[in-house]
């Protein structure tokens, strides 16, 4: 069986948000289309406490973003939320980055319980949370397909997206689109 992990398609990562991924909202329609072809759709959200260590004001590298219960932390309104069976919040521990959808969320147990063998992964940002989620899925023994046309990179440094794709392929992740 196959599942789709929709990674962090949240207001703060789209244009006008606190940490906008270039063309981040361009992933919404391709993600909505991917939802139609799988048995299970799970979405992840960055869901940070205000004192999260990743925030520049707390010594981290990122602007304050996706603070739990804020509008910026909500899934984008154009995402087909009726197709999402489960939303998992990550990055809740104030002292951990929490890039991967597998980190402290129970995701692996849910996938095993549902007999999922292949994971499709798409969303934001390709070079951070999509990559970390796909690599952890691969390490857990799942077949993994990352949909590049339904993902965008934040590109902190030029070429980060291409480097992420190379790392994914090297780990045995299929990258399509």
N, C-alpha and C. Protein backbone atom coordinates (compact mmCIF):
# COMPACT_ATOMS: atom_id res chain seq x y z
N UNK A 1 0.84 -1.19 0.00
CA UNK A 1 0.00 0.00 0.00
C UNK A 1 0.88 1.24 0.00
N UNK A 2 0.29 2.32 -0.49
CA UNK A 2 1.03 3.56 -0.63
C UNK A 2 0.38 4.68 0.17
N UNK A 3 1.24 5.57 0.67
CA UNK A 3 0.77 6.74 1.41
C UNK A 3 1.49 7.98 0.89
N UNK A 4 0.88 9.12 1.12
CA UNK A 4 1.48 10.41 0.80
C UNK A 4 1.72 11.16 2.09
N UNK A 5 2.94 11.64 2.26
CA UNK A 5 3.26 12.54 3.37
C UNK A 5 3.35 13.95 2.79
N UNK A 6 2.45 14.81 3.21
CA UNK A 6 2.44 16.21 2.79
C UNK A 6 3.19 16.98 3.86
N UNK A 7 4.37 17.47 3.51
CA UNK A 7 5.27 18.08 4.48
C UNK A 7 5.08 19.59 4.54
N UNK A 8 4.58 20.08 5.66
CA UNK A 8 4.64 21.49 6.04
C UNK A 8 4.12 22.49 5.00
N UNK A 9 3.00 22.18 4.37
CA UNK A 9 2.40 23.15 3.45
C UNK A 9 1.56 24.10 4.31
N UNK A 10 2.27 25.02 4.95
CA UNK A 10 1.71 25.91 5.96
C UNK A 10 1.83 27.36 5.52
N UNK A 11 0.99 28.20 6.09
CA UNK A 11 0.96 29.61 5.72
C UNK A 11 2.31 30.29 5.84
N UNK A 12 3.05 30.02 6.91
CA UNK A 12 4.33 30.71 7.10
C UNK A 12 5.38 30.33 6.06
N UNK A 13 5.20 29.22 5.36
CA UNK A 13 6.16 28.81 4.33
C UNK A 13 5.72 29.22 2.93
N UNK A 14 4.60 29.89 2.82
CA UNK A 14 4.09 30.35 1.53
C UNK A 14 4.27 31.87 1.42
N UNK A 15 4.12 32.43 0.22
CA UNK A 15 4.30 33.88 0.06
C UNK A 15 3.48 34.66 1.08
N UNK A 16 4.12 35.66 1.68
CA UNK A 16 3.49 36.47 2.71
C UNK A 16 3.69 35.93 4.11
N UNK A 17 4.25 34.72 4.22
CA UNK A 17 4.49 34.11 5.53
C UNK A 17 5.79 34.57 6.14
N UNK A 18 6.04 34.11 7.35
CA UNK A 18 7.23 34.51 8.11
C UNK A 18 8.53 33.95 7.54
N UNK A 19 8.46 32.79 6.89
CA UNK A 19 9.64 32.14 6.31
C UNK A 19 9.25 31.57 4.94
N UNK A 20 8.95 32.47 3.99
CA UNK A 20 8.41 32.00 2.72
C UNK A 20 9.43 31.24 1.88
N UNK A 21 9.04 30.08 1.42
CA UNK A 21 9.81 29.31 0.46
C UNK A 21 9.46 29.90 -0.91
N UNK A 22 10.46 30.21 -1.75
CA UNK A 22 10.13 30.77 -3.06
C UNK A 22 9.12 29.89 -3.81
N UNK A 23 8.04 30.50 -4.24
CA UNK A 23 6.95 29.80 -4.94
C UNK A 23 6.38 28.66 -4.11
N UNK A 24 6.40 28.79 -2.82
CA UNK A 24 5.91 27.72 -1.95
C UNK A 24 4.47 27.32 -2.22
N UNK A 25 3.64 28.29 -2.55
CA UNK A 25 2.24 27.96 -2.81
C UNK A 25 2.03 27.23 -4.14
N UNK A 26 3.06 27.18 -4.98
CA UNK A 26 2.97 26.45 -6.25
C UNK A 26 2.87 24.94 -6.05
N UNK A 27 3.16 24.46 -4.85
CA UNK A 27 3.08 23.02 -4.59
C UNK A 27 1.64 22.57 -4.31
N UNK A 28 0.75 23.48 -4.03
CA UNK A 28 -0.57 23.11 -3.52
C UNK A 28 -1.37 22.27 -4.52
N UNK A 29 -1.50 22.72 -5.74
CA UNK A 29 -2.29 21.96 -6.72
C UNK A 29 -1.66 20.60 -7.02
N UNK A 30 -0.33 20.52 -7.26
CA UNK A 30 0.26 19.19 -7.46
C UNK A 30 0.08 18.27 -6.25
N UNK A 31 0.17 18.81 -5.04
CA UNK A 31 -0.05 18.00 -3.84
C UNK A 31 -1.49 17.52 -3.79
N UNK A 32 -2.44 18.41 -4.06
CA UNK A 32 -3.85 18.01 -4.07
C UNK A 32 -4.09 16.89 -5.07
N UNK A 33 -3.43 16.95 -6.21
CA UNK A 33 -3.57 15.89 -7.22
C UNK A 33 -2.98 14.58 -6.71
N UNK A 34 -1.82 14.63 -6.05
CA UNK A 34 -1.19 13.42 -5.51
C UNK A 34 -2.07 12.73 -4.48
N UNK A 35 -2.84 13.51 -3.73
CA UNK A 35 -3.70 12.95 -2.68
C UNK A 35 -4.70 11.95 -3.24
N UNK A 36 -5.09 12.13 -4.49
CA UNK A 36 -6.13 11.29 -5.08
C UNK A 36 -5.66 9.88 -5.39
N UNK A 37 -4.33 9.65 -5.41
CA UNK A 37 -3.83 8.37 -5.87
C UNK A 37 -3.27 7.44 -4.82
N UNK A 38 -3.51 7.73 -3.55
CA UNK A 38 -2.93 6.91 -2.48
C UNK A 38 -3.99 6.49 -1.47
N UNK A 39 -3.66 5.46 -0.69
CA UNK A 39 -4.59 4.93 0.30
C UNK A 39 -4.67 5.78 1.56
N UNK A 40 -3.59 6.51 1.86
CA UNK A 40 -3.50 7.25 3.11
C UNK A 40 -2.76 8.55 2.87
N UNK A 41 -3.31 9.66 3.38
CA UNK A 41 -2.64 10.96 3.30
C UNK A 41 -2.42 11.46 4.72
N UNK A 42 -1.16 11.76 5.02
CA UNK A 42 -0.77 12.32 6.31
C UNK A 42 -0.07 13.64 6.05
N UNK A 43 -0.41 14.66 6.79
CA UNK A 43 0.27 15.95 6.69
C UNK A 43 1.09 16.18 7.95
N UNK A 44 2.23 16.83 7.77
CA UNK A 44 3.02 17.27 8.92
C UNK A 44 2.94 18.78 9.00
N UNK A 45 3.10 19.28 10.22
CA UNK A 45 3.17 20.72 10.44
C UNK A 45 4.33 21.01 11.37
N UNK A 46 5.10 22.05 11.06
CA UNK A 46 5.97 22.65 12.06
C UNK A 46 5.02 23.24 13.10
N UNK A 47 5.30 22.99 14.38
CA UNK A 47 4.37 23.40 15.44
C UNK A 47 5.21 23.79 16.64
N UNK A 48 5.90 24.92 16.51
CA UNK A 48 6.93 25.30 17.46
C UNK A 48 6.40 26.08 18.66
N UNK A 49 7.02 25.86 19.82
CA UNK A 49 6.75 26.74 20.96
C UNK A 49 7.45 28.08 20.71
N UNK A 50 7.00 29.15 21.35
CA UNK A 50 7.60 30.47 21.12
C UNK A 50 9.10 30.53 21.44
N UNK A 51 9.56 29.66 22.32
CA UNK A 51 10.97 29.68 22.73
C UNK A 51 11.82 28.70 21.93
N UNK A 52 11.35 28.28 20.76
CA UNK A 52 12.06 27.26 19.99
C UNK A 52 13.48 27.70 19.63
N UNK A 53 14.42 26.77 19.75
CA UNK A 53 15.84 27.08 19.54
C UNK A 53 16.19 27.42 18.10
N UNK A 54 15.35 27.08 17.14
CA UNK A 54 15.66 27.38 15.74
C UNK A 54 15.45 28.85 15.41
N UNK A 55 14.76 29.59 16.26
CA UNK A 55 14.47 30.99 15.99
C UNK A 55 15.69 31.86 16.25
N UNK A 56 15.96 32.79 15.35
CA UNK A 56 17.11 33.68 15.48
C UNK A 56 17.08 34.43 16.82
N UNK A 57 15.90 34.80 17.28
CA UNK A 57 15.80 35.52 18.56
C UNK A 57 16.23 34.65 19.74
N UNK A 58 16.29 33.34 19.51
CA UNK A 58 16.73 32.39 20.55
C UNK A 58 18.07 31.77 20.21
N UNK A 59 18.80 32.39 19.27
CA UNK A 59 20.13 31.91 18.91
C UNK A 59 20.18 30.98 17.71
N UNK A 60 19.03 30.73 17.06
CA UNK A 60 18.98 29.84 15.90
C UNK A 60 19.19 30.58 14.59
N UNK A 61 18.87 29.90 13.49
CA UNK A 61 19.12 30.48 12.17
C UNK A 61 17.88 31.01 11.47
N UNK A 62 16.69 30.69 11.95
CA UNK A 62 15.46 31.01 11.23
C UNK A 62 14.68 32.14 11.91
N UNK A 63 13.90 32.89 11.12
CA UNK A 63 12.97 33.84 11.75
C UNK A 63 11.89 33.06 12.52
N UNK A 64 11.24 33.72 13.43
CA UNK A 64 10.13 33.09 14.15
C UNK A 64 9.09 32.66 13.12
N UNK A 65 8.69 31.38 13.17
CA UNK A 65 7.75 30.84 12.19
C UNK A 65 6.97 29.68 12.80
N UNK A 66 5.80 29.46 12.28
CA UNK A 66 4.97 28.30 12.64
C UNK A 66 4.87 28.09 14.16
N UNK A 67 4.62 29.18 14.86
CA UNK A 67 4.41 29.08 16.31
C UNK A 67 3.04 28.43 16.53
N UNK A 68 3.04 27.41 17.37
CA UNK A 68 1.81 26.62 17.58
C UNK A 68 0.59 27.53 17.78
N UNK A 69 -0.50 27.10 17.19
CA UNK A 69 -1.80 27.77 17.26
C UNK A 69 -1.87 29.11 16.53
N UNK A 70 -0.79 29.56 15.89
CA UNK A 70 -0.83 30.81 15.14
C UNK A 70 -1.40 30.57 13.75
N UNK A 71 -1.84 31.63 13.08
CA UNK A 71 -2.32 31.51 11.71
C UNK A 71 -1.21 31.01 10.79
N UNK A 72 0.01 31.45 11.02
CA UNK A 72 1.13 31.02 10.20
C UNK A 72 1.40 29.53 10.28
N UNK A 73 1.04 28.90 11.38
CA UNK A 73 1.29 27.47 11.56
C UNK A 73 0.20 26.59 10.94
N UNK A 74 -0.89 27.19 10.51
CA UNK A 74 -1.99 26.41 9.95
C UNK A 74 -1.66 25.93 8.54
N UNK A 75 -2.24 24.79 8.17
CA UNK A 75 -2.11 24.32 6.79
C UNK A 75 -2.74 25.34 5.86
N UNK A 76 -2.15 25.49 4.67
CA UNK A 76 -2.64 26.47 3.71
C UNK A 76 -4.09 26.17 3.35
N UNK A 77 -4.90 27.19 3.26
CA UNK A 77 -6.34 27.03 3.04
C UNK A 77 -6.68 26.35 1.72
N UNK A 78 -5.80 26.44 0.71
CA UNK A 78 -6.09 25.81 -0.59
C UNK A 78 -5.71 24.33 -0.63
N UNK A 79 -5.05 23.86 0.41
CA UNK A 79 -4.73 22.44 0.50
C UNK A 79 -6.03 21.67 0.75
N UNK A 80 -6.23 20.56 0.06
CA UNK A 80 -7.46 19.78 0.23
C UNK A 80 -7.41 19.02 1.56
N UNK A 81 -7.81 19.70 2.61
CA UNK A 81 -7.69 19.12 3.95
C UNK A 81 -8.69 17.99 4.18
N UNK A 82 -9.73 17.91 3.36
CA UNK A 82 -10.69 16.81 3.52
C UNK A 82 -10.07 15.46 3.15
N UNK A 83 -8.98 15.48 2.38
CA UNK A 83 -8.31 14.23 1.97
C UNK A 83 -7.25 13.79 2.98
N UNK A 84 -6.95 14.64 3.95
CA UNK A 84 -5.90 14.34 4.92
C UNK A 84 -6.51 13.58 6.09
N UNK A 85 -6.01 12.38 6.31
CA UNK A 85 -6.55 11.54 7.39
C UNK A 85 -5.95 11.89 8.75
N UNK A 86 -4.69 12.32 8.74
CA UNK A 86 -3.99 12.56 10.00
C UNK A 86 -3.03 13.72 9.83
N UNK A 87 -2.99 14.62 10.82
CA UNK A 87 -2.02 15.71 10.85
C UNK A 87 -1.10 15.48 12.04
N UNK A 88 0.19 15.44 11.77
CA UNK A 88 1.19 15.23 12.82
C UNK A 88 2.01 16.50 13.01
N UNK A 89 2.12 16.93 14.25
CA UNK A 89 2.88 18.14 14.57
C UNK A 89 4.30 17.77 14.97
N UNK A 90 5.26 18.49 14.39
CA UNK A 90 6.67 18.22 14.67
C UNK A 90 7.35 19.51 15.11
N UNK A 91 8.55 19.36 15.65
CA UNK A 91 9.28 20.54 16.11
C UNK A 91 8.70 21.14 17.37
N UNK A 92 8.04 20.31 18.17
CA UNK A 92 7.40 20.82 19.39
C UNK A 92 8.36 20.95 20.57
N UNK A 93 9.43 20.15 20.56
CA UNK A 93 10.40 20.26 21.65
C UNK A 93 11.22 21.53 21.43
N UNK A 94 11.34 22.39 22.43
CA UNK A 94 12.01 23.67 22.22
C UNK A 94 13.50 23.55 21.91
N UNK A 95 14.11 22.40 22.22
CA UNK A 95 15.56 22.26 22.07
C UNK A 95 15.96 21.37 20.89
N UNK A 96 15.01 21.03 20.00
CA UNK A 96 15.31 20.17 18.84
C UNK A 96 14.73 20.81 17.58
N UNK A 97 15.49 20.71 16.47
CA UNK A 97 15.02 21.28 15.20
C UNK A 97 13.71 20.65 14.75
N UNK A 98 13.67 19.32 14.68
CA UNK A 98 12.44 18.65 14.28
C UNK A 98 12.12 18.77 12.81
N UNK A 99 13.11 18.63 11.94
CA UNK A 99 12.87 18.71 10.50
C UNK A 99 12.07 17.52 9.97
N UNK A 100 12.33 16.33 10.47
CA UNK A 100 11.72 15.12 9.92
C UNK A 100 10.33 14.85 10.48
N UNK A 101 9.45 14.40 9.59
CA UNK A 101 8.12 13.99 10.02
C UNK A 101 8.14 12.74 10.88
N UNK A 102 9.29 12.07 10.95
CA UNK A 102 9.42 10.86 11.77
C UNK A 102 9.90 11.19 13.19
N UNK A 103 10.35 12.39 13.42
CA UNK A 103 10.96 12.74 14.71
C UNK A 103 9.90 13.06 15.76
N UNK A 104 9.75 12.16 16.72
CA UNK A 104 8.85 12.34 17.86
C UNK A 104 7.39 12.58 17.46
N UNK A 105 6.94 11.90 16.39
CA UNK A 105 5.55 12.07 15.95
C UNK A 105 4.74 10.78 15.95
N UNK A 106 5.41 9.63 16.01
CA UNK A 106 4.70 8.36 15.91
C UNK A 106 4.37 7.96 14.48
N UNK A 107 4.93 8.67 13.50
CA UNK A 107 4.61 8.42 12.10
C UNK A 107 4.94 6.99 11.68
N UNK A 108 6.10 6.49 12.05
CA UNK A 108 6.47 5.14 11.62
C UNK A 108 5.46 4.11 12.11
N UNK A 109 5.02 4.22 13.35
CA UNK A 109 4.05 3.26 13.89
C UNK A 109 2.73 3.31 13.12
N UNK A 110 2.29 4.49 12.76
CA UNK A 110 1.05 4.63 11.98
C UNK A 110 1.20 3.94 10.63
N UNK A 111 2.33 4.16 9.97
CA UNK A 111 2.56 3.56 8.66
C UNK A 111 2.62 2.04 8.74
N UNK A 112 3.30 1.52 9.75
CA UNK A 112 3.39 0.06 9.93
C UNK A 112 2.00 -0.54 10.21
N UNK A 113 1.25 0.13 11.06
CA UNK A 113 -0.09 -0.35 11.41
C UNK A 113 -1.00 -0.42 10.18
N UNK A 114 -0.79 0.49 9.24
CA UNK A 114 -1.60 0.54 8.02
C UNK A 114 -0.99 -0.28 6.87
N UNK A 115 0.12 -0.96 7.14
CA UNK A 115 0.79 -1.81 6.14
C UNK A 115 1.26 -1.04 4.91
N UNK A 116 1.74 0.17 5.15
CA UNK A 116 2.26 1.00 4.07
C UNK A 116 3.66 0.53 3.71
N UNK A 117 3.92 0.37 2.44
CA UNK A 117 5.24 -0.05 1.96
C UNK A 117 5.95 1.06 1.20
N UNK A 118 5.17 1.88 0.49
CA UNK A 118 5.75 2.95 -0.33
C UNK A 118 5.22 4.29 0.15
N UNK A 119 6.14 5.22 0.35
CA UNK A 119 5.79 6.57 0.77
C UNK A 119 6.09 7.55 -0.35
N UNK A 120 5.11 8.36 -0.67
CA UNK A 120 5.31 9.49 -1.57
C UNK A 120 5.46 10.70 -0.65
N UNK A 121 6.43 11.55 -0.93
CA UNK A 121 6.71 12.69 -0.07
C UNK A 121 6.73 13.95 -0.94
N UNK A 122 6.06 15.00 -0.47
CA UNK A 122 6.01 16.27 -1.19
C UNK A 122 5.76 17.39 -0.20
N UNK A 123 6.13 18.60 -0.57
CA UNK A 123 5.83 19.75 0.27
C UNK A 123 6.99 20.71 0.40
N UNK A 124 7.12 21.27 1.62
CA UNK A 124 8.07 22.35 1.88
C UNK A 124 8.91 22.05 3.12
N UNK A 125 10.11 22.34 3.09
CA UNK A 125 10.96 22.73 1.98
C UNK A 125 11.80 21.51 1.57
N UNK A 126 11.98 21.37 0.27
CA UNK A 126 12.68 20.22 -0.29
C UNK A 126 14.04 19.99 0.37
N UNK A 127 14.77 21.06 0.62
CA UNK A 127 16.14 20.95 1.11
C UNK A 127 16.24 20.83 2.63
N UNK A 128 15.13 20.81 3.33
CA UNK A 128 15.14 20.64 4.79
C UNK A 128 14.15 19.54 5.21
N UNK A 129 12.90 19.90 5.39
CA UNK A 129 11.95 18.95 5.98
C UNK A 129 11.53 17.83 5.04
N UNK A 130 11.37 18.12 3.76
CA UNK A 130 11.06 17.05 2.81
C UNK A 130 12.23 16.07 2.77
N UNK A 131 13.44 16.59 2.65
CA UNK A 131 14.63 15.73 2.61
C UNK A 131 14.76 14.90 3.87
N UNK A 132 14.64 15.53 5.04
CA UNK A 132 14.80 14.81 6.30
C UNK A 132 13.74 13.72 6.46
N UNK A 133 12.51 14.01 6.07
CA UNK A 133 11.43 13.03 6.17
C UNK A 133 11.69 11.86 5.23
N UNK A 134 12.09 12.15 4.00
CA UNK A 134 12.35 11.09 3.02
C UNK A 134 13.53 10.22 3.44
N UNK A 135 14.59 10.83 3.95
CA UNK A 135 15.75 10.06 4.39
C UNK A 135 15.41 9.17 5.58
N UNK A 136 14.64 9.68 6.53
CA UNK A 136 14.24 8.86 7.67
C UNK A 136 13.32 7.72 7.23
N UNK A 137 12.46 7.98 6.27
CA UNK A 137 11.59 6.92 5.74
C UNK A 137 12.43 5.82 5.09
N UNK A 138 13.43 6.22 4.36
CA UNK A 138 14.32 5.24 3.70
C UNK A 138 15.06 4.42 4.75
N UNK A 139 15.58 5.10 5.79
CA UNK A 139 16.30 4.39 6.87
C UNK A 139 15.38 3.41 7.59
N UNK A 140 14.10 3.72 7.62
CA UNK A 140 13.12 2.84 8.28
C UNK A 140 12.70 1.68 7.37
N UNK A 141 13.20 1.66 6.14
CA UNK A 141 12.95 0.54 5.25
C UNK A 141 11.81 0.72 4.26
N UNK A 142 11.25 1.90 4.18
CA UNK A 142 10.19 2.16 3.21
C UNK A 142 10.77 2.46 1.84
N UNK A 143 10.02 2.12 0.80
CA UNK A 143 10.33 2.63 -0.53
C UNK A 143 9.85 4.08 -0.53
N UNK A 144 10.65 4.98 -1.09
CA UNK A 144 10.32 6.40 -0.98
C UNK A 144 10.42 7.06 -2.35
N UNK A 145 9.40 7.85 -2.67
CA UNK A 145 9.37 8.64 -3.89
C UNK A 145 9.14 10.09 -3.49
N UNK A 146 10.08 10.97 -3.84
CA UNK A 146 9.91 12.41 -3.61
C UNK A 146 9.44 13.03 -4.91
N UNK A 147 8.38 13.80 -4.82
CA UNK A 147 7.80 14.47 -5.99
C UNK A 147 8.32 15.90 -6.05
N UNK A 148 9.27 16.08 -6.96
CA UNK A 148 9.93 17.38 -7.07
C UNK A 148 8.98 18.47 -7.56
N UNK A 149 8.06 18.12 -8.45
CA UNK A 149 7.13 19.13 -8.96
C UNK A 149 6.11 19.55 -7.90
N UNK A 150 6.03 18.82 -6.81
CA UNK A 150 5.12 19.14 -5.71
C UNK A 150 5.91 19.52 -4.46
N UNK A 151 7.14 19.96 -4.67
CA UNK A 151 8.02 20.39 -3.58
C UNK A 151 8.80 21.62 -4.04
N UNK A 152 9.23 22.44 -3.10
CA UNK A 152 10.08 23.58 -3.40
C UNK A 152 11.15 23.68 -2.32
N UNK A 153 12.31 24.18 -2.72
CA UNK A 153 13.44 24.36 -1.80
C UNK A 153 13.48 25.80 -1.31
N UNK A 154 13.92 25.98 -0.07
CA UNK A 154 14.07 27.33 0.48
C UNK A 154 15.36 27.98 -0.02
N UNK A 155 16.35 27.15 -0.39
CA UNK A 155 17.60 27.63 -1.01
C UNK A 155 18.30 28.70 -0.17
N UNK A 156 18.61 28.37 1.08
CA UNK A 156 19.39 29.29 1.91
C UNK A 156 20.68 29.64 1.20
N UNK A 157 21.32 28.63 0.63
CA UNK A 157 22.48 28.83 -0.25
C UNK A 157 22.08 28.36 -1.64
N UNK A 158 22.47 29.10 -2.67
CA UNK A 158 22.13 28.67 -4.03
C UNK A 158 22.58 27.23 -4.27
N UNK A 159 21.70 26.44 -4.85
CA UNK A 159 22.02 25.05 -5.14
C UNK A 159 21.62 24.06 -4.06
N UNK A 160 21.07 24.54 -2.94
CA UNK A 160 20.67 23.63 -1.86
C UNK A 160 19.64 22.60 -2.34
N UNK A 161 18.73 23.01 -3.20
CA UNK A 161 17.73 22.09 -3.71
C UNK A 161 18.35 20.97 -4.52
N UNK A 162 19.29 21.33 -5.39
CA UNK A 162 19.97 20.31 -6.22
C UNK A 162 20.81 19.38 -5.35
N UNK A 163 21.48 19.94 -4.35
CA UNK A 163 22.26 19.09 -3.44
C UNK A 163 21.35 18.14 -2.66
N UNK A 164 20.18 18.61 -2.27
CA UNK A 164 19.23 17.74 -1.57
C UNK A 164 18.79 16.59 -2.47
N UNK A 165 18.50 16.88 -3.73
CA UNK A 165 18.08 15.84 -4.67
C UNK A 165 19.19 14.80 -4.83
N UNK A 166 20.43 15.27 -4.95
CA UNK A 166 21.56 14.33 -5.09
C UNK A 166 21.69 13.45 -3.85
N UNK A 167 21.54 14.04 -2.67
CA UNK A 167 21.62 13.27 -1.42
C UNK A 167 20.49 12.24 -1.33
N UNK A 168 19.31 12.64 -1.73
CA UNK A 168 18.17 11.72 -1.72
C UNK A 168 18.42 10.54 -2.65
N UNK A 169 18.85 10.84 -3.86
CA UNK A 169 19.10 9.76 -4.83
C UNK A 169 20.19 8.82 -4.34
N UNK A 170 21.23 9.39 -3.74
CA UNK A 170 22.33 8.57 -3.21
C UNK A 170 21.83 7.62 -2.12
N UNK A 171 20.81 8.03 -1.39
CA UNK A 171 20.25 7.20 -0.31
C UNK A 171 19.23 6.19 -0.82
N UNK A 172 18.97 6.18 -2.12
CA UNK A 172 18.03 5.22 -2.67
C UNK A 172 16.61 5.72 -2.79
N UNK A 173 16.42 7.03 -2.64
CA UNK A 173 15.10 7.64 -2.80
C UNK A 173 14.89 7.93 -4.29
N UNK A 174 13.74 7.57 -4.79
CA UNK A 174 13.39 7.91 -6.18
C UNK A 174 12.88 9.35 -6.20
N UNK A 175 13.44 10.16 -7.07
CA UNK A 175 12.99 11.55 -7.21
C UNK A 175 12.37 11.68 -8.59
N UNK A 176 11.11 12.09 -8.63
CA UNK A 176 10.38 12.21 -9.90
C UNK A 176 9.84 13.62 -10.04
N UNK A 177 9.44 13.95 -11.29
CA UNK A 177 8.81 15.25 -11.54
C UNK A 177 9.79 16.28 -11.86
